[in-house]
Amino acid sequence: YDELGTLALLAHIPQEAVRDNPDVVAVSALAERPE
């Protein structure tokens, strides 16, 4: 965690705010297709 730098800030974003973001939804859908 201490090596993440500014990416560590993402851990402080509320999950409900992230869950509904269209970009997050699109990347999450990629998990269904590993390729």
PDB file of all heavy atoms in Angstrom:
ATOM      1  N   TYR A   1       0.817  -1.210   0.000  1.00  0.00           N
ATOM      2  CA  TYR A   1       0.000   0.000   0.000  1.00  0.00           C
ATOM      3  C   TYR A   1       0.852   1.261   0.000  1.00  0.00           C
ATOM      4  O   TYR A   1       0.578   2.196  -0.733  1.00  0.00           O
ATOM      5  CB  TYR A   1      -0.934  -0.017   1.213  1.00  0.00           C
ATOM      6  CG  TYR A   1      -1.839   1.180   1.313  1.00  0.00           C
ATOM      7  CD1 TYR A   1      -3.025   1.224   0.596  1.00  0.00           C
ATOM      8  CD2 TYR A   1      -1.511   2.266   2.114  1.00  0.00           C
ATOM      9  CE1 TYR A   1      -3.866   2.320   0.674  1.00  0.00           C
ATOM     10  CE2 TYR A   1      -2.343   3.374   2.199  1.00  0.00           C
ATOM     11  CZ  TYR A   1      -3.520   3.396   1.478  1.00  0.00           C
ATOM     12  OH  TYR A   1      -4.341   4.480   1.556  1.00  0.00           O
ATOM     13  N   ASP A   2       1.904   1.282   0.798  1.00  0.00           N
ATOM     14  CA  ASP A   2       2.721   2.494   0.911  1.00  0.00           C
ATOM     15  C   ASP A   2       3.522   2.803  -0.355  1.00  0.00           C
ATOM     16  O   ASP A   2       4.084   3.881  -0.487  1.00  0.00           O
ATOM     17  CB  ASP A   2       3.634   2.445   2.130  1.00  0.00           C
ATOM     18  CG  ASP A   2       4.621   1.296   2.104  1.00  0.00           C
ATOM     19  OD1 ASP A   2       4.411   0.334   1.338  1.00  0.00           O
ATOM     20  OD2 ASP A   2       5.610   1.363   2.863  1.00  0.00           O
ATOM     21  N   GLU A   3       3.535   1.887  -1.318  1.00  0.00           N
ATOM     22  CA  GLU A   3       4.216   2.125  -2.584  1.00  0.00           C
ATOM     23  C   GLU A   3       3.256   2.572  -3.694  1.00  0.00           C
ATOM     24  O   GLU A   3       3.683   2.821  -4.814  1.00  0.00           O
ATOM     25  CB  GLU A   3       4.961   0.868  -3.033  1.00  0.00           C
ATOM     26  CG  GLU A   3       6.132   0.500  -2.143  1.00  0.00           C
ATOM     27  CD  GLU A   3       6.851  -0.741  -2.615  1.00  0.00           C
ATOM     28  OE1 GLU A   3       6.629  -1.176  -3.760  1.00  0.00           O
ATOM     29  OE2 GLU A   3       7.632  -1.291  -1.817  1.00  0.00           O
ATOM     30  N   LEU A   4       1.982   2.667  -3.390  1.00  0.00           N
ATOM     31  CA  LEU A   4       0.990   3.034  -4.397  1.00  0.00           C
ATOM     32  C   LEU A   4       0.992   4.515  -4.744  1.00  0.00           C
ATOM     33  O   LEU A   4       0.486   4.901  -5.802  1.00  0.00           O
ATOM     34  CB  LEU A   4      -0.410   2.627  -3.941  1.00  0.00           C
ATOM     35  CG  LEU A   4      -0.685   1.139  -3.891  1.00  0.00           C
ATOM     36  CD1 LEU A   4      -2.066   0.888  -3.307  1.00  0.00           C
ATOM     37  CD2 LEU A   4      -0.566   0.512  -5.265  1.00  0.00           C
ATOM     38  N   GLY A   5       1.532   5.340  -3.881  1.00  0.00           N
ATOM     39  CA  GLY A   5       1.551   6.778  -4.144  1.00  0.00           C
ATOM     40  C   GLY A   5       0.142   7.329  -4.264  1.00  0.00           C
ATOM     41  O   GLY A   5      -0.733   7.025  -3.462  1.00  0.00           O
ATOM     42  N   THR A   6      -0.090   8.120  -5.326  1.00  0.00           N
ATOM     43  CA  THR A   6      -1.401   8.759  -5.487  1.00  0.00           C
ATOM     44  C   THR A   6      -2.517   7.754  -5.775  1.00  0.00           C
ATOM     45  O   THR A   6      -3.687   8.056  -5.533  1.00  0.00           O
ATOM     46  CB  THR A   6      -1.367   9.806  -6.613  1.00  0.00           C
ATOM     47  OG1 THR A   6      -0.913   9.194  -7.813  1.00  0.00           O
ATOM     48  CG2 THR A   6      -0.461  10.957  -6.254  1.00  0.00           C
ATOM     49  N   LEU A   7      -2.166   6.562  -6.249  1.00  0.00           N
ATOM     50  CA  LEU A   7      -3.200   5.539  -6.471  1.00  0.00           C
ATOM     51  C   LEU A   7      -3.870   5.128  -5.164  1.00  0.00           C
ATOM     52  O   LEU A   7      -5.003   4.666  -5.158  1.00  0.00           O
ATOM     53  CB  LEU A   7      -2.596   4.310  -7.148  1.00  0.00           C
ATOM     54  CG  LEU A   7      -2.215   4.476  -8.608  1.00  0.00           C
ATOM     55  CD1 LEU A   7      -1.543   3.208  -9.124  1.00  0.00           C
ATOM     56  CD2 LEU A   7      -3.423   4.802  -9.448  1.00  0.00           C
ATOM     57  N   ALA A   8      -3.164   5.311  -4.045  1.00  0.00           N
ATOM     58  CA  ALA A   8      -3.741   4.973  -2.740  1.00  0.00           C
ATOM     59  C   ALA A   8      -4.977   5.817  -2.453  1.00  0.00           C
ATOM     60  O   ALA A   8      -5.857   5.398  -1.694  1.00  0.00           O
ATOM     61  CB  ALA A   8      -2.701   5.146  -1.640  1.00  0.00           C
ATOM     62  N   LEU A   9      -5.070   6.982  -3.068  1.00  0.00           N
ATOM     63  CA  LEU A   9      -6.247   7.835  -2.874  1.00  0.00           C
ATOM     64  C   LEU A   9      -7.525   7.147  -3.346  1.00  0.00           C
ATOM     65  O   LEU A   9      -8.603   7.405  -2.823  1.00  0.00           O
ATOM     66  CB  LEU A   9      -6.070   9.162  -3.608  1.00  0.00           C
ATOM     67  CG  LEU A   9      -4.965  10.066  -3.092  1.00  0.00           C
ATOM     68  CD1 LEU A   9      -4.787  11.262  -4.024  1.00  0.00           C
ATOM     69  CD2 LEU A   9      -5.238  10.513  -1.676  1.00  0.00           C
ATOM     70  N   LEU A  10      -7.399   6.283  -4.331  1.00  0.00           N
ATOM     71  CA  LEU A  10      -8.580   5.570  -4.836  1.00  0.00           C
ATOM     72  C   LEU A  10      -9.230   4.719  -3.759  1.00  0.00           C
ATOM     73  O   LEU A  10     -10.434   4.477  -3.802  1.00  0.00           O
ATOM     74  CB  LEU A  10      -8.200   4.699  -6.035  1.00  0.00           C
ATOM     75  CG  LEU A  10      -7.746   5.445  -7.286  1.00  0.00           C
ATOM     76  CD1 LEU A  10      -7.273   4.460  -8.343  1.00  0.00           C
ATOM     77  CD2 LEU A  10      -8.848   6.330  -7.818  1.00  0.00           C
ATOM     78  N   ALA A  11      -8.460   4.268  -2.802  1.00  0.00           N
ATOM     79  CA  ALA A  11      -8.997   3.437  -1.725  1.00  0.00           C
ATOM     80  C   ALA A  11      -9.957   4.226  -0.835  1.00  0.00           C
ATOM     81  O   ALA A  11     -10.754   3.628  -0.116  1.00  0.00           O
ATOM     82  CB  ALA A  11      -7.860   2.863  -0.879  1.00  0.00           C
ATOM     83  N   HIS A  12      -9.899   5.540  -0.906  1.00  0.00           N
ATOM     84  CA  HIS A  12     -10.736   6.374  -0.049  1.00  0.00           C
ATOM     85  C   HIS A  12     -12.020   6.844  -0.734  1.00  0.00           C
ATOM     86  O   HIS A  12     -12.817   7.538  -0.122  1.00  0.00           O
ATOM     87  CB  HIS A  12      -9.927   7.575   0.446  1.00  0.00           C
ATOM     88  CG  HIS A  12      -8.725   7.174   1.235  1.00  0.00           C
ATOM     89  ND1 HIS A  12      -8.804   6.691   2.526  1.00  0.00           N
ATOM     90  CD2 HIS A  12      -7.421   7.132   0.911  1.00  0.00           C
ATOM     91  CE1 HIS A  12      -7.604   6.393   2.963  1.00  0.00           C
ATOM     92  NE2 HIS A  12      -6.738   6.650   1.995  1.00  0.00           N
ATOM     93  N   ILE A  13     -12.225   6.463  -1.973  1.00  0.00           N
ATOM     94  CA  ILE A  13     -13.449   6.815  -2.686  1.00  0.00           C
ATOM     95  C   ILE A  13     -14.540   5.850  -2.232  1.00  0.00           C
ATOM     96  O   ILE A  13     -14.345   4.630  -2.249  1.00  0.00           O
ATOM     97  CB  ILE A  13     -13.253   6.723  -4.208  1.00  0.00           C
ATOM     98  CG1 ILE A  13     -12.196   7.722  -4.666  1.00  0.00           C
ATOM     99  CG2 ILE A  13     -14.569   6.977  -4.937  1.00  0.00           C
ATOM    100  CD1 ILE A  13     -11.825   7.595  -6.130  1.00  0.00           C
ATOM    101  N   PRO A  14     -15.711   6.365  -1.847  1.00  0.00           N
ATOM    102  CA  PRO A  14     -16.798   5.475  -1.404  1.00  0.00           C
ATOM    103  C   PRO A  14     -17.175   4.462  -2.489  1.00  0.00           C
ATOM    104  O   PRO A  14     -17.297   4.813  -3.667  1.00  0.00           O
ATOM    105  CB  PRO A  14     -17.959   6.432  -1.129  1.00  0.00           C
ATOM    106  CG  PRO A  14     -17.329   7.778  -0.962  1.00  0.00           C
ATOM    107  CD  PRO A  14     -16.085   7.768  -1.800  1.00  0.00           C
ATOM    108  N   GLN A  15     -17.359   3.217  -2.081  1.00  0.00           N
ATOM    109  CA  GLN A  15     -17.674   2.154  -3.045  1.00  0.00           C
ATOM    110  C   GLN A  15     -18.924   2.455  -3.853  1.00  0.00           C
ATOM    111  O   GLN A  15     -18.978   2.147  -5.038  1.00  0.00           O
ATOM    112  CB  GLN A  15     -17.838   0.817  -2.328  1.00  0.00           C
ATOM    113  CG  GLN A  15     -16.534   0.232  -1.880  1.00  0.00           C
ATOM    114  CD  GLN A  15     -16.735  -1.173  -1.309  1.00  0.00           C
ATOM    115  OE1 GLN A  15     -17.816  -1.741  -1.348  1.00  0.00           O
ATOM    116  NE2 GLN A  15     -15.663  -1.720  -0.772  1.00  0.00           N
ATOM    117  N   GLU A  16     -19.930   3.040  -3.223  1.00  0.00           N
ATOM    118  CA  GLU A  16     -21.172   3.306  -3.963  1.00  0.00           C
ATOM    119  C   GLU A  16     -20.948   4.346  -5.062  1.00  0.00           C
ATOM    120  O   GLU A  16     -21.619   4.301  -6.091  1.00  0.00           O
ATOM    121  CB  GLU A  16     -22.308   3.730  -3.030  1.00  0.00           C
ATOM    122  CG  GLU A  16     -22.015   4.899  -2.128  1.00  0.00           C
ATOM    123  CD  GLU A  16     -21.288   4.522  -0.847  1.00  0.00           C
ATOM    124  OE1 GLU A  16     -21.048   3.334  -0.590  1.00  0.00           O
ATOM    125  OE2 GLU A  16     -20.944   5.441  -0.106  1.00  0.00           O
ATOM    126  N   ALA A  17     -20.000   5.243  -4.899  1.00  0.00           N
ATOM    127  CA  ALA A  17     -19.693   6.224  -5.944  1.00  0.00           C
ATOM    128  C   ALA A  17     -18.980   5.558  -7.112  1.00  0.00           C
ATOM    129  O   ALA A  17     -19.197   5.904  -8.268  1.00  0.00           O
ATOM    130  CB  ALA A  17     -18.829   7.345  -5.376  1.00  0.00           C
ATOM    131  N   VAL A  18     -18.147   4.586  -6.821  1.00  0.00           N
ATOM    132  CA  VAL A  18     -17.390   3.894  -7.856  1.00  0.00           C
ATOM    133  C   VAL A  18     -18.264   2.894  -8.592  1.00  0.00           C
ATOM    134  O   VAL A  18     -18.202   2.768  -9.811  1.00  0.00           O
ATOM    135  CB  VAL A  18     -16.170   3.180  -7.234  1.00  0.00           C
ATOM    136  CG1 VAL A  18     -15.442   2.352  -8.264  1.00  0.00           C
ATOM    137  CG2 VAL A  18     -15.230   4.196  -6.603  1.00  0.00           C
ATOM    138  N   ARG A  19     -19.093   2.197  -7.858  1.00  0.00           N
ATOM    139  CA  ARG A  19     -19.906   1.113  -8.410  1.00  0.00           C
ATOM    140  C   ARG A  19     -20.773   1.559  -9.579  1.00  0.00           C
ATOM    141  O   ARG A  19     -21.000   0.801 -10.514  1.00  0.00           O
ATOM    142  CB  ARG A  19     -20.778   0.534  -7.297  1.00  0.00           C
ATOM    143  CG  ARG A  19     -21.483  -0.732  -7.661  1.00  0.00           C
ATOM    144  CD  ARG A  19     -22.259  -1.329  -6.491  1.00  0.00           C
ATOM    145  NE  ARG A  19     -21.377  -1.629  -5.380  1.00  0.00           N
ATOM    146  CZ  ARG A  19     -21.529  -1.130  -4.135  1.00  0.00           C
ATOM    147  NH1 ARG A  19     -22.536  -0.326  -3.862  1.00  0.00           N
ATOM    148  NH2 ARG A  19     -20.696  -1.444  -3.176  1.00  0.00           N
ATOM    149  N   ASP A  20     -21.257   2.805  -9.557  1.00  0.00           N
ATOM    150  CA  ASP A  20     -22.161   3.285 -10.596  1.00  0.00           C
ATOM    151  C   ASP A  20     -21.449   4.028 -11.723  1.00  0.00           C
ATOM    152  O   ASP A  20     -22.096   4.462 -12.675  1.00  0.00           O
ATOM    153  CB  ASP A  20     -23.224   4.197  -9.976  1.00  0.00           C
ATOM    154  CG  ASP A  20     -24.115   3.446  -9.005  1.00  0.00           C
ATOM    155  OD1 ASP A  20     -24.338   2.232  -9.202  1.00  0.00           O
ATOM    156  OD2 ASP A  20     -24.591   4.066  -8.040  1.00  0.00           O
ATOM    157  N   ASN A  21     -20.145   4.159 -11.650  1.00  0.00           N
ATOM    158  CA  ASN A  21     -19.390   4.861 -12.685  1.00  0.00           C
ATOM    159  C   ASN A  21     -19.357   4.010 -13.950  1.00  0.00           C
ATOM    160  O   ASN A  21     -18.989   2.840 -13.908  1.00  0.00           O
ATOM    161  CB  ASN A  21     -17.973   5.142 -12.185  1.00  0.00           C
ATOM    162  CG  ASN A  21     -17.147   5.860 -13.211  1.00  0.00           C
ATOM    163  OD1 ASN A  21     -16.678   5.253 -14.169  1.00  0.00           O
ATOM    164  ND2 ASN A  21     -16.966   7.156 -13.005  1.00  0.00           N
ATOM    165  N   PRO A  22     -19.733   4.567 -15.104  1.00  0.00           N
ATOM    166  CA  PRO A  22     -19.790   3.782 -16.349  1.00  0.00           C
ATOM    167  C   PRO A  22     -18.446   3.150 -16.732  1.00  0.00           C
ATOM    168  O   PRO A  22     -18.412   2.036 -17.258  1.00  0.00           O
ATOM    169  CB  PRO A  22     -20.227   4.781 -17.404  1.00  0.00           C
ATOM    170  CG  PRO A  22     -20.793   5.937 -16.670  1.00  0.00           C
ATOM    171  CD  PRO A  22     -20.183   5.946 -15.297  1.00  0.00           C
ATOM    172  N   ASP A  23     -17.354   3.838 -16.477  1.00  0.00           N
ATOM    173  CA  ASP A  23     -16.043   3.279 -16.816  1.00  0.00           C
ATOM    174  C   ASP A  23     -15.716   2.084 -15.929  1.00  0.00           C
ATOM    175  O   ASP A  23     -15.172   1.088 -16.402  1.00  0.00           O
ATOM    176  CB  ASP A  23     -14.948   4.338 -16.687  1.00  0.00           C
ATOM    177  CG  ASP A  23     -15.098   5.453 -17.710  1.00  0.00           C
ATOM    178  OD1 ASP A  23     -15.643   5.184 -18.807  1.00  0.00           O
ATOM    179  OD2 ASP A  23     -14.689   6.581 -17.417  1.00  0.00           O
ATOM    180  N   VAL A  24     -16.060   2.174 -14.665  1.00  0.00           N
ATOM    181  CA  VAL A  24     -15.820   1.064 -13.745  1.00  0.00           C
ATOM    182  C   VAL A  24     -16.686  -0.132 -14.136  1.00  0.00           C
ATOM    183  O   VAL A  24     -16.221  -1.277 -14.129  1.00  0.00           O
ATOM    184  CB  VAL A  24     -16.085   1.482 -12.279  1.00  0.00           C
ATOM    185  CG1 VAL A  24     -16.012   0.291 -11.335  1.00  0.00           C
ATOM    186  CG2 VAL A  24     -15.102   2.566 -11.858  1.00  0.00           C
ATOM    187  N   VAL A  25     -17.920   0.124 -14.511  1.00  0.00           N
ATOM    188  CA  VAL A  25     -18.825  -0.946 -14.943  1.00  0.00           C
ATOM    189  C   VAL A  25     -18.256  -1.639 -16.182  1.00  0.00           C
ATOM    190  O   VAL A  25     -18.241  -2.872 -16.270  1.00  0.00           O
ATOM    191  CB  VAL A  25     -20.239  -0.384 -15.222  1.00  0.00           C
ATOM    192  CG1 VAL A  25     -21.125  -1.431 -15.886  1.00  0.00           C
ATOM    193  CG2 VAL A  25     -20.870   0.117 -13.934  1.00  0.00           C
ATOM    194  N   ALA A  26     -17.731  -0.861 -17.129  1.00  0.00           N
ATOM    195  CA  ALA A  26     -17.178  -1.436 -18.362  1.00  0.00           C
ATOM    196  C   ALA A  26     -15.949  -2.290 -18.070  1.00  0.00           C
ATOM    197  O   ALA A  26     -15.816  -3.395 -18.605  1.00  0.00           O
ATOM    198  CB  ALA A  26     -16.828  -0.325 -19.348  1.00  0.00           C
ATOM    199  N   VAL A  27     -15.057  -1.808 -17.226  1.00  0.00           N
ATOM    200  CA  VAL A  27     -13.861  -2.589 -16.895  1.00  0.00           C
ATOM    201  C   VAL A  27     -14.236  -3.835 -16.103  1.00  0.00           C
ATOM    202  O   VAL A  27     -13.662  -4.905 -16.311  1.00  0.00           O
ATOM    203  CB  VAL A  27     -12.828  -1.721 -16.141  1.00  0.00           C
ATOM    204  CG1 VAL A  27     -11.689  -2.561 -15.614  1.00  0.00           C
ATOM    205  CG2 VAL A  27     -12.297  -0.632 -17.050  1.00  0.00           C
ATOM    206  N   SER A  28     -15.225  -3.721 -15.233  1.00  0.00           N
ATOM    207  CA  SER A  28     -15.681  -4.893 -14.472  1.00  0.00           C
ATOM    208  C   SER A  28     -16.218  -5.980 -15.397  1.00  0.00           C
ATOM    209  O   SER A  28     -16.034  -7.171 -15.137  1.00  0.00           O
ATOM    210  CB  SER A  28     -16.768  -4.491 -13.476  1.00  0.00           C
ATOM    211  OG  SER A  28     -16.243  -3.656 -12.493  1.00  0.00           O
ATOM    212  N   ALA A  29     -16.870  -5.573 -16.470  1.00  0.00           N
ATOM    213  CA  ALA A  29     -17.411  -6.548 -17.424  1.00  0.00           C
ATOM    214  C   ALA A  29     -16.288  -7.317 -18.111  1.00  0.00           C
ATOM    215  O   ALA A  29     -16.481  -8.459 -18.538  1.00  0.00           O
ATOM    216  CB  ALA A  29     -18.275  -5.844 -18.466  1.00  0.00           C
ATOM    217  N   LEU A  30     -15.097  -6.728 -18.190  1.00  0.00           N
ATOM    218  CA  LEU A  30     -13.964  -7.419 -18.805  1.00  0.00           C
ATOM    219  C   LEU A  30     -13.543  -8.653 -18.018  1.00  0.00           C
ATOM    220  O   LEU A  30     -12.952  -9.572 -18.584  1.00  0.00           O
ATOM    221  CB  LEU A  30     -12.766  -6.478 -18.937  1.00  0.00           C
ATOM    222  CG  LEU A  30     -12.930  -5.317 -19.914  1.00  0.00           C
ATOM    223  CD1 LEU A  30     -11.701  -4.424 -19.858  1.00  0.00           C
ATOM    224  CD2 LEU A  30     -13.169  -5.817 -21.317  1.00  0.00           C
ATOM    225  N   ALA A  31     -13.839  -8.676 -16.745  1.00  0.00           N
ATOM    226  CA  ALA A  31     -13.472  -9.823 -15.913  1.00  0.00           C
ATOM    227  C   ALA A  31     -14.144 -11.102 -16.407  1.00  0.00           C
ATOM    228  O   ALA A  31     -13.662 -12.201 -16.154  1.00  0.00           O
ATOM    229  CB  ALA A  31     -13.832  -9.558 -14.459  1.00  0.00           C
ATOM    230  N   GLU A  32     -15.246 -10.947 -17.123  1.00  0.00           N
ATOM    231  CA  GLU A  32     -15.956 -12.107 -17.667  1.00  0.00           C
ATOM    232  C   GLU A  32     -15.246 -12.682 -18.895  1.00  0.00           C
ATOM    233  O   GLU A  32     -15.500 -13.810 -19.287  1.00  0.00           O
ATOM    234  CB  GLU A  32     -17.390 -11.721 -18.016  1.00  0.00           C
ATOM    235  CG  GLU A  32     -18.195 -11.302 -16.807  1.00  0.00           C
ATOM    236  CD  GLU A  32     -19.555 -10.759 -17.171  1.00  0.00           C
ATOM    237  OE1 GLU A  32     -20.021 -10.976 -18.313  1.00  0.00           O
ATOM    238  OE2 GLU A  32     -20.159 -10.103 -16.311  1.00  0.00           O
ATOM    239  N   ARG A  33     -14.378 -11.874 -19.500  1.00  0.00           N
ATOM    240  CA  ARG A  33     -13.636 -12.315 -20.691  1.00  0.00           C
ATOM    241  C   ARG A  33     -12.160 -12.009 -20.482  1.00  0.00           C
ATOM    242  O   ARG A  33     -11.701 -10.910 -20.813  1.00  0.00           O
ATOM    243  CB  ARG A  33     -14.165 -11.607 -21.927  1.00  0.00           C
ATOM    244  CG  ARG A  33     -15.621 -11.982 -22.215  1.00  0.00           C
ATOM    245  CD  ARG A  33     -16.083 -11.452 -23.509  1.00  0.00           C
ATOM    246  NE  ARG A  33     -15.097 -11.728 -24.552  1.00  0.00           N
ATOM    247  CZ  ARG A  33     -15.296 -11.516 -25.820  1.00  0.00           C
ATOM    248  NH1 ARG A  33     -16.427 -11.026 -26.226  1.00  0.00           N
ATOM    249  NH2 ARG A  33     -14.359 -11.773 -26.710  1.00  0.00           N
ATOM    250  N   PRO A  34     -11.411 -12.948 -19.941  1.00  0.00           N
ATOM    251  CA  PRO A  34     -10.000 -12.707 -19.630  1.00  0.00           C
ATOM    252  C   PRO A  34      -9.168 -12.224 -20.814  1.00  0.00           C
ATOM    253  O   PRO A  34      -8.245 -11.438 -20.632  1.00  0.00           O
ATOM    254  CB  PRO A  34      -9.506 -14.066 -19.130  1.00  0.00           C
ATOM    255  CG  PRO A  34     -10.720 -14.795 -18.701  1.00  0.00           C
ATOM    256  CD  PRO A  34     -11.841 -14.283 -19.562  1.00  0.00           C
ATOM    257  N   GLU A  35      -9.500 -12.638 -22.026  1.00  0.00           N
ATOM    258  CA  GLU A  35      -8.735 -12.191 -23.187  1.00  0.00           C
ATOM    259  C   GLU A  35      -8.898 -10.688 -23.412  1.00  0.00           C
ATOM    260  O   GLU A  35      -7.970 -10.011 -23.853  1.00  0.00           O
ATOM    261  CB  GLU A  35      -9.095 -12.982 -24.449  1.00  0.00           C
ATOM    262  CG  GLU A  35     -10.518 -12.815 -24.934  1.00  0.00           C
ATOM    263  CD  GLU A  35     -11.540 -13.723 -24.256  1.00  0.00           C
ATOM    264  OE1 GLU A  35     -11.211 -14.419 -23.288  1.00  0.00           O
ATOM    265  OE2 GLU A  35     -12.695 -13.717 -24.699  1.00  0.00           O
TER     266      GLU A  35
END
